[in-house]
Amino acid sequence: MKAVAQSPLRAWLAGLAVGCLVTFGSVAAMAQATPGASGAPTTPPAASNPAPSTPATPAPEAQVSPPPGEVPADGAAVVRMTYPARPVASLAGTATWDQGFGSIMAAFEKVRTEMKTANLAAAGRPVAVFLETDDEGFKYEAMIPLAAPPGGGGAVGNGVRIGLTPTGEVLKFQHRGAYDDIDATYEAITAYLDEKGLNAANLFVEEYLNDVQGPDDNELAIDIYVFMK
């Protein structure tokens, strides 16, 4: 297979696989301006005219929402929590980076087909658990939560098995926008972890909150759970 340039997401995943955190530098939304950095005086000159007796009322500041893939510097959008173990129907898969989204979506469809055959009810949105990565691609588990595991557990059919989601302490981040643009979100996550001095484990989960037409669909909503050491 022809080698491709390593994207920020691929570099971040590969860094986790060897237990290292790759630093991509600060994200624009997380950069803090340093007062006086330009050499300009920090104290304004005295006004030449007396101040008016009634001060003008300042206009209210506009509330600007951060663009997709941007993690606020104060961590307001980051949630620390325990990811619970849930019963799932699961299918293992491998994919190249360029084919990743399509491979994961196809795996979900296979799991749904086997669940229907086995009369298993879904109880939550599908998740992809990322297990191993390299420059060419990755290994994953496509999982759909179940209302209850079937008696006996084990295999369902065509490679679909009954299991549990991983559990542990995680940081929850959000990606809102096309999957093609998810690298920017992982850059922001990496910068946040580096800024806070946090160490991520070699495990993370993407939960797909809605169904979209393809990797370029800007309506996609994903929650990303990064497991901590």
C-alpha atoms as a PDB file:
ATOM      1  CA  MET A   1       0.000   0.000   0.000  1.00  0.00           C
ATOM      2  CA  LYS A   2       1.335   3.433  -0.873  1.00  0.00           C
ATOM      3  CA  ALA A   3       2.549   5.309   2.186  1.00  0.00           C
ATOM      4  CA  VAL A   4       0.714   8.509   3.054  1.00  0.00           C
ATOM      5  CA  ALA A   5       1.800  11.523   5.044  1.00  0.00           C
ATOM      6  CA  GLN A   6       1.095  11.157   8.745  1.00  0.00           C
ATOM      7  CA  SER A   7      -1.775  13.425   9.832  1.00  0.00           C
ATOM      8  CA  PRO A   8      -2.027  14.978  13.312  1.00  0.00           C
ATOM      9  CA  LEU A   9      -4.613  12.356  14.295  1.00  0.00           C
ATOM     10  CA  ARG A  10      -2.384   9.527  13.125  1.00  0.00           C
ATOM     11  CA  ALA A  11       0.611  10.961  14.945  1.00  0.00           C
ATOM     12  CA  TRP A  12      -1.438  11.344  18.142  1.00  0.00           C
ATOM     13  CA  LEU A  13      -2.696   7.768  17.969  1.00  0.00           C
ATOM     14  CA  ALA A  14       0.743   6.396  17.176  1.00  0.00           C
ATOM     15  CA  GLY A  15       2.123   8.327  20.147  1.00  0.00           C
ATOM     16  CA  LEU A  16      -0.428   6.667  22.432  1.00  0.00           C
ATOM     17  CA  ALA A  17       0.480   3.262  21.043  1.00  0.00           C
ATOM     18  CA  VAL A  18       4.071   3.636  22.309  1.00  0.00           C
ATOM     19  CA  GLY A  19       3.060   5.312  25.524  1.00  0.00           C
ATOM     20  CA  CYS A  20       4.196   8.779  24.509  1.00  0.00           C
ATOM     21  CA  LEU A  21       2.235  11.988  24.197  1.00  0.00           C
ATOM     22  CA  VAL A  22       2.963  13.867  20.960  1.00  0.00           C
ATOM     23  CA  THR A  23       2.851  17.634  21.338  1.00  0.00           C
ATOM     24  CA  PHE A  24       1.471  19.560  18.398  1.00  0.00           C
ATOM     25  CA  GLY A  25       1.914  23.004  19.976  1.00  0.00           C
ATOM     26  CA  SER A  26      -0.704  25.383  21.207  1.00  0.00           C
ATOM     27  CA  VAL A  27      -4.027  25.746  19.403  1.00  0.00           C
ATOM     28  CA  ALA A  28      -5.053  29.273  18.479  1.00  0.00           C
ATOM     29  CA  ALA A  29      -8.044  29.129  20.818  1.00  0.00           C
ATOM     30  CA  MET A  30      -5.754  28.201  23.718  1.00  0.00           C
ATOM     31  CA  ALA A  31      -3.084  30.846  23.090  1.00  0.00           C
ATOM     32  CA  GLN A  32      -2.953  33.630  25.659  1.00  0.00           C
ATOM     33  CA  ALA A  33      -1.686  37.075  24.635  1.00  0.00           C
ATOM     34  CA  THR A  34       1.177  38.369  26.841  1.00  0.00           C
ATOM     35  CA  PRO A  35       0.607  41.949  28.081  1.00  0.00           C
ATOM     36  CA  GLY A  36       3.287  44.349  26.908  1.00  0.00           C
ATOM     37  CA  ALA A  37       4.832  41.826  24.561  1.00  0.00           C
ATOM     38  CA  SER A  38       4.951  44.317  21.708  1.00  0.00           C
ATOM     39  CA  GLY A  39       6.958  46.804  23.790  1.00  0.00           C
ATOM     40  CA  ALA A  40       4.074  49.290  23.963  1.00  0.00           C
ATOM     41  CA  PRO A  41       3.614  51.094  27.329  1.00  0.00           C
ATOM     42  CA  THR A  42       1.232  49.331  29.648  1.00  0.00           C
ATOM     43  CA  THR A  43      -0.084  52.595  31.188  1.00  0.00           C
ATOM     44  CA  PRO A  44      -2.137  54.757  28.811  1.00  0.00           C
ATOM     45  CA  PRO A  45      -1.197  58.456  28.564  1.00  0.00           C
ATOM     46  CA  ALA A  46      -3.251  60.952  30.508  1.00  0.00           C
ATOM     47  CA  ALA A  47      -6.310  62.256  28.672  1.00  0.00           C
ATOM     48  CA  SER A  48      -5.963  65.777  27.298  1.00  0.00           C
ATOM     49  CA  ASN A  49      -9.604  66.614  28.084  1.00  0.00           C
ATOM     50  CA  PRO A  50     -11.481  66.210  31.377  1.00  0.00           C
ATOM     51  CA  ALA A  51     -13.551  63.073  31.689  1.00  0.00           C
ATOM     52  CA  PRO A  52     -17.298  63.547  31.172  1.00  0.00           C
ATOM     53  CA  SER A  53     -19.407  63.762  34.294  1.00  0.00           C
ATOM     54  CA  THR A  54     -21.503  60.742  33.209  1.00  0.00           C
ATOM     55  CA  PRO A  55     -19.439  57.792  31.932  1.00  0.00           C
ATOM     56  CA  ALA A  56     -20.638  56.155  28.745  1.00  0.00           C
ATOM     57  CA  THR A  57     -22.205  52.727  29.107  1.00  0.00           C
ATOM     58  CA  PRO A  58     -20.021  50.141  27.356  1.00  0.00           C
ATOM     59  CA  ALA A  59     -21.658  47.963  24.755  1.00  0.00           C
ATOM     60  CA  PRO A  60     -22.172  44.337  25.866  1.00  0.00           C
ATOM     61  CA  GLU A  61     -19.548  41.909  24.656  1.00  0.00           C
ATOM     62  CA  ALA A  62     -20.612  39.519  21.916  1.00  0.00           C
ATOM     63  CA  GLN A  63     -20.749  35.883  22.949  1.00  0.00           C
ATOM     64  CA  VAL A  64     -18.774  33.905  20.393  1.00  0.00           C
ATOM     65  CA  SER A  65     -18.967  30.123  20.342  1.00  0.00           C
ATOM     66  CA  PRO A  66     -15.711  28.281  19.622  1.00  0.00           C
ATOM     67  CA  PRO A  67     -15.526  26.693  16.173  1.00  0.00           C
ATOM     68  CA  PRO A  68     -15.745  22.898  15.826  1.00  0.00           C
ATOM     69  CA  GLY A  69     -12.672  21.080  17.065  1.00  0.00           C
ATOM     70  CA  GLU A  70     -11.638  23.827  19.477  1.00  0.00           C
ATOM     71  CA  VAL A  71     -11.218  23.138  23.202  1.00  0.00           C
ATOM     72  CA  PRO A  72     -11.542  26.265  25.401  1.00  0.00           C
ATOM     73  CA  ALA A  73      -8.441  27.137  27.412  1.00  0.00           C
ATOM     74  CA  ASP A  74     -10.386  26.987  30.677  1.00  0.00           C
ATOM     75  CA  GLY A  75     -11.495  23.431  29.950  1.00  0.00           C
ATOM     76  CA  ALA A  76     -15.180  24.394  30.179  1.00  0.00           C
ATOM     77  CA  ALA A  77     -16.128  21.847  27.507  1.00  0.00           C
ATOM     78  CA  VAL A  78     -14.060  19.046  29.067  1.00  0.00           C
ATOM     79  CA  VAL A  79     -15.763  16.600  31.440  1.00  0.00           C
ATOM     80  CA  ARG A  80     -13.852  14.248  33.751  1.00  0.00           C
ATOM     81  CA  MET A  81     -15.854  11.117  34.468  1.00  0.00           C
ATOM     82  CA  THR A  82     -15.798   7.341  34.797  1.00  0.00           C
ATOM     83  CA  TYR A  83     -16.701   5.553  31.593  1.00  0.00           C
ATOM     84  CA  PRO A  84     -19.084   2.737  32.556  1.00  0.00           C
ATOM     85  CA  ALA A  85     -18.869  -0.867  31.415  1.00  0.00           C
ATOM     86  CA  ARG A  86     -21.914  -1.681  29.275  1.00  0.00           C
ATOM     87  CA  PRO A  87     -22.920  -4.882  27.466  1.00  0.00           C
ATOM     88  CA  VAL A  88     -22.415  -4.584  23.714  1.00  0.00           C
ATOM     89  CA  ALA A  89     -22.532  -6.457  20.461  1.00  0.00           C
ATOM     90  CA  SER A  90     -19.057  -6.017  19.000  1.00  0.00           C
ATOM     91  CA  LEU A  91     -17.201  -6.595  15.739  1.00  0.00           C
ATOM     92  CA  ALA A  92     -13.435  -6.304  15.337  1.00  0.00           C
ATOM     93  CA  GLY A  93     -12.070  -4.502  12.297  1.00  0.00           C
ATOM     94  CA  THR A  94      -9.019  -2.983  10.663  1.00  0.00           C
ATOM     95  CA  ALA A  95      -8.830  -0.028   8.294  1.00  0.00           C
ATOM     96  CA  THR A  96      -6.445   2.336   6.592  1.00  0.00           C
ATOM     97  CA  TRP A  97      -6.700   5.966   7.653  1.00  0.00           C
ATOM     98  CA  ASP A  98      -8.242   7.033   4.366  1.00  0.00           C
ATOM     99  CA  GLN A  99     -10.931   4.341   4.634  1.00  0.00           C
ATOM    100  CA  GLY A 100     -11.452   4.580   8.386  1.00  0.00           C
ATOM    101  CA  PHE A 101     -14.858   6.270   8.570  1.00  0.00           C
ATOM    102  CA  GLY A 102     -16.412   4.048   5.913  1.00  0.00           C
ATOM    103  CA  SER A 103     -14.990   0.909   7.514  1.00  0.00           C
ATOM    104  CA  ILE A 104     -16.371   1.801  10.938  1.00  0.00           C
ATOM    105  CA  MET A 105     -19.822   2.670   9.565  1.00  0.00           C
ATOM    106  CA  ALA A 106     -19.935  -0.605   7.603  1.00  0.00           C
ATOM    107  CA  ALA A 107     -18.996  -2.521  10.749  1.00  0.00           C
ATOM    108  CA  PHE A 108     -21.876  -0.909  12.635  1.00  0.00           C
ATOM    109  CA  GLU A 109     -24.275  -2.065   9.904  1.00  0.00           C
ATOM    110  CA  LYS A 110     -22.995  -5.641  10.194  1.00  0.00           C
ATOM    111  CA  VAL A 111     -23.484  -5.551  13.952  1.00  0.00           C
ATOM    112  CA  ARG A 112     -27.043  -4.227  13.540  1.00  0.00           C
ATOM    113  CA  THR A 113     -27.852  -6.993  11.062  1.00  0.00           C
ATOM    114  CA  GLU A 114     -26.692  -9.708  13.453  1.00  0.00           C
ATOM    115  CA  MET A 115     -28.493  -8.050  16.367  1.00  0.00           C
ATOM    116  CA  LYS A 116     -31.741  -8.100  14.388  1.00  0.00           C
ATOM    117  CA  THR A 117     -31.276 -11.767  13.565  1.00  0.00           C
ATOM    118  CA  ALA A 118     -30.645 -12.565  17.234  1.00  0.00           C
ATOM    119  CA  ASN A 119     -33.506 -10.330  18.453  1.00  0.00           C
ATOM    120  CA  LEU A 120     -31.156  -8.105  20.439  1.00  0.00           C
ATOM    121  CA  ALA A 121     -32.299  -4.575  21.270  1.00  0.00           C
ATOM    122  CA  ALA A 122     -29.917  -1.605  21.089  1.00  0.00           C
ATOM    123  CA  ALA A 123     -29.662   0.659  24.127  1.00  0.00           C
ATOM    124  CA  GLY A 124     -27.479   3.579  23.084  1.00  0.00           C
ATOM    125  CA  ARG A 125     -25.470   5.091  20.272  1.00  0.00           C
ATOM    126  CA  PRO A 126     -22.702   3.088  18.560  1.00  0.00           C
ATOM    127  CA  VAL A 127     -19.103   3.505  19.666  1.00  0.00           C
ATOM    128  CA  ALA A 128     -15.725   2.705  18.132  1.00  0.00           C
ATOM    129  CA  VAL A 129     -12.937   1.627  20.484  1.00  0.00           C
ATOM    130  CA  PHE A 130      -9.496   2.285  19.004  1.00  0.00           C
ATOM    131  CA  LEU A 131      -6.972  -0.370  20.013  1.00  0.00           C
ATOM    132  CA  GLU A 132      -3.817  -0.294  17.865  1.00  0.00           C
ATOM    133  CA  THR A 133      -2.442   2.128  15.303  1.00  0.00           C
ATOM    134  CA  ASP A 134       0.453   2.596  12.917  1.00  0.00           C
ATOM    135  CA  ASP A 135       1.288   4.839   9.966  1.00  0.00           C
ATOM    136  CA  GLU A 136      -0.940   2.840   7.611  1.00  0.00           C
ATOM    137  CA  GLY A 137      -4.085   2.324   9.674  1.00  0.00           C
ATOM    138  CA  PHE A 138      -5.622   1.033  12.879  1.00  0.00           C
ATOM    139  CA  LYS A 139      -7.466  -1.782  14.635  1.00  0.00           C
ATOM    140  CA  TYR A 140     -10.787  -1.115  16.301  1.00  0.00           C
ATOM    141  CA  GLU A 141     -13.903  -2.641  17.835  1.00  0.00           C
ATOM    142  CA  ALA A 142     -17.255  -1.423  16.499  1.00  0.00           C
ATOM    143  CA  MET A 143     -19.733  -1.708  19.372  1.00  0.00           C
ATOM    144  CA  ILE A 144     -23.461  -1.154  19.833  1.00  0.00           C
ATOM    145  CA  PRO A 145     -24.740  -1.086  23.446  1.00  0.00           C
ATOM    146  CA  LEU A 146     -27.392  -3.637  24.366  1.00  0.00           C
ATOM    147  CA  ALA A 147     -30.405  -3.319  26.636  1.00  0.00           C
ATOM    148  CA  ALA A 148     -29.317  -6.638  28.161  1.00  0.00           C
ATOM    149  CA  PRO A 149     -26.807  -9.306  27.148  1.00  0.00           C
ATOM    150  CA  PRO A 150     -28.273 -12.541  25.782  1.00  0.00           C
ATOM    151  CA  GLY A 151     -28.117 -15.655  27.880  1.00  0.00           C
ATOM    152  CA  GLY A 152     -24.866 -17.490  27.399  1.00  0.00           C
ATOM    153  CA  GLY A 153     -23.038 -14.520  25.842  1.00  0.00           C
ATOM    154  CA  GLY A 154     -20.250 -15.384  23.428  1.00  0.00           C
ATOM    155  CA  ALA A 155     -20.659 -15.244  19.655  1.00  0.00           C
ATOM    156  CA  VAL A 156     -23.768 -14.013  17.841  1.00  0.00           C
ATOM    157  CA  GLY A 157     -22.809 -14.691  14.230  1.00  0.00           C
ATOM    158  CA  ASN A 158     -20.503 -13.567  11.391  1.00  0.00           C
ATOM    159  CA  GLY A 159     -17.804 -12.397  13.781  1.00  0.00           C
ATOM    160  CA  VAL A 160     -20.129 -10.395  16.034  1.00  0.00           C
ATOM    161  CA  ARG A 161     -19.609 -11.171  19.703  1.00  0.00           C
ATOM    162  CA  ILE A 162     -21.126 -10.146  23.021  1.00  0.00           C
ATOM    163  CA  GLY A 163     -18.815  -8.203  25.300  1.00  0.00           C
ATOM    164  CA  LEU A 164     -18.383  -5.085  27.398  1.00  0.00           C
ATOM    165  CA  THR A 165     -17.183  -1.573  26.703  1.00  0.00           C
ATOM    166  CA  PRO A 166     -13.914  -0.636  28.404  1.00  0.00           C
ATOM    167  CA  THR A 167     -14.282   1.137  31.724  1.00  0.00           C
ATOM    168  CA  GLY A 168     -12.111   3.632  33.580  1.00  0.00           C
ATOM    169  CA  GLU A 169     -11.432   7.294  34.219  1.00  0.00           C
ATOM    170  CA  VAL A 170     -11.761   9.412  31.072  1.00  0.00           C
ATOM    171  CA  LEU A 171     -11.824  12.954  29.805  1.00  0.00           C
ATOM    172  CA  LYS A 172     -14.790  13.622  27.548  1.00  0.00           C
ATOM    173  CA  PHE A 173     -14.324  15.977  24.586  1.00  0.00           C
ATOM    174  CA  GLN A 174     -16.623  16.949  21.738  1.00  0.00           C
ATOM    175  CA  HIS A 175     -16.249  17.008  17.960  1.00  0.00           C
ATOM    176  CA  ARG A 176     -18.930  18.801  15.995  1.00  0.00           C
ATOM    177  CA  GLY A 177     -18.427  18.880  12.242  1.00  0.00           C
ATOM    178  CA  ALA A 178     -17.246  16.663   9.405  1.00  0.00           C
ATOM    179  CA  TYR A 179     -15.192  13.571  10.208  1.00  0.00           C
ATOM    180  CA  ASP A 180     -12.748  14.812   7.584  1.00  0.00           C
ATOM    181  CA  ASP A 181     -11.961  17.659  10.006  1.00  0.00           C
ATOM    182  CA  ILE A 182     -11.539  15.570  13.162  1.00  0.00           C
ATOM    183  CA  ASP A 183      -7.745  16.017  13.095  1.00  0.00           C
ATOM    184  CA  ALA A 184      -8.278  19.565  14.379  1.00  0.00           C
ATOM    185  CA  THR A 185     -10.172  18.222  17.385  1.00  0.00           C
ATOM    186  CA  TYR A 186      -7.374  15.793  18.213  1.00  0.00           C
ATOM    187  CA  GLU A 187      -4.839  18.614  17.908  1.00  0.00           C
ATOM    188  CA  ALA A 188      -6.884  20.565  20.450  1.00  0.00           C
ATOM    189  CA  ILE A 189      -7.151  17.544  22.750  1.00  0.00           C
ATOM    190  CA  THR A 190      -3.392  16.960  22.566  1.00  0.00           C
ATOM    191  CA  ALA A 191      -2.676  20.596  23.337  1.00  0.00           C
ATOM    192  CA  TYR A 192      -5.105  20.498  26.284  1.00  0.00           C
ATOM    193  CA  LEU A 193      -3.508  17.359  27.752  1.00  0.00           C
ATOM    194  CA  ASP A 194      -0.047  18.857  27.335  1.00  0.00           C
ATOM    195  CA  GLU A 195      -1.103  22.164  28.885  1.00  0.00           C
ATOM    196  CA  LYS A 196      -2.578  20.387  31.925  1.00  0.00           C
ATOM    197  CA  GLY A 197       0.277  17.884  32.249  1.00  0.00           C
ATOM    198  CA  LEU A 198      -2.066  14.888  31.833  1.00  0.00           C
ATOM    199  CA  ASN A 199      -1.064  11.439  30.561  1.00  0.00           C
ATOM    200  CA  ALA A 200      -3.442   9.537  28.305  1.00  0.00           C
ATOM    201  CA  ALA A 201      -3.595   5.745  28.154  1.00  0.00           C
ATOM    202  CA  ASN A 202      -3.375   3.766  24.930  1.00  0.00           C
ATOM    203  CA  LEU A 203      -7.167   3.665  24.603  1.00  0.00           C
ATOM    204  CA  PHE A 204      -9.921   5.995  23.482  1.00  0.00           C
ATOM    205  CA  VAL A 205     -13.525   5.796  22.328  1.00  0.00           C
ATOM    206  CA  GLU A 206     -15.564   7.726  19.763  1.00  0.00           C
ATOM    207  CA  GLU A 207     -19.330   7.762  20.330  1.00  0.00           C
ATOM    208  CA  TYR A 208     -21.356   8.693  17.236  1.00  0.00           C
ATOM    209  CA  LEU A 209     -24.352  10.738  18.371  1.00  0.00           C
ATOM    210  CA  ASN A 210     -26.155  10.932  15.032  1.00  0.00           C
ATOM    211  CA  ASP A 211     -26.309   9.305  11.609  1.00  0.00           C
ATOM    212  CA  VAL A 212     -24.769  11.202   8.696  1.00  0.00           C
ATOM    213  CA  GLN A 213     -24.293  10.698   4.958  1.00  0.00           C
ATOM    214  CA  GLY A 214     -20.503  10.580   4.863  1.00  0.00           C
ATOM    215  CA  PRO A 215     -17.201  11.846   6.304  1.00  0.00           C
ATOM    216  CA  ASP A 216     -17.746  15.314   4.800  1.00  0.00           C
ATOM    217  CA  ASP A 217     -21.170  15.799   6.449  1.00  0.00           C
ATOM    218  CA  ASN A 218     -20.888  18.853   8.725  1.00  0.00           C
ATOM    219  CA  GLU A 219     -23.825  17.689  10.852  1.00  0.00           C
ATOM    220  CA  LEU A 220     -21.795  14.911  12.450  1.00  0.00           C
ATOM    221  CA  ALA A 221     -21.624  14.957  16.268  1.00  0.00           C
ATOM    222  CA  ILE A 222     -19.094  12.801  18.141  1.00  0.00           C
ATOM    223  CA  ASP A 223     -18.140  12.579  21.802  1.00  0.00           C
ATOM    224  CA  ILE A 224     -14.531  11.473  22.332  1.00  0.00           C
ATOM    225  CA  TYR A 225     -13.546   9.697  25.557  1.00  0.00           C
ATOM    226  CA  VAL A 226      -9.807   9.681  26.260  1.00  0.00           C
ATOM    227  CA  PHE A 227      -8.833   7.134  28.913  1.00  0.00           C
ATOM    228  CA  MET A 228      -6.332   8.375  31.470  1.00  0.00           C
ATOM    229  CA  LYS A 229      -3.372   6.548  33.047  1.00  0.00           C
END
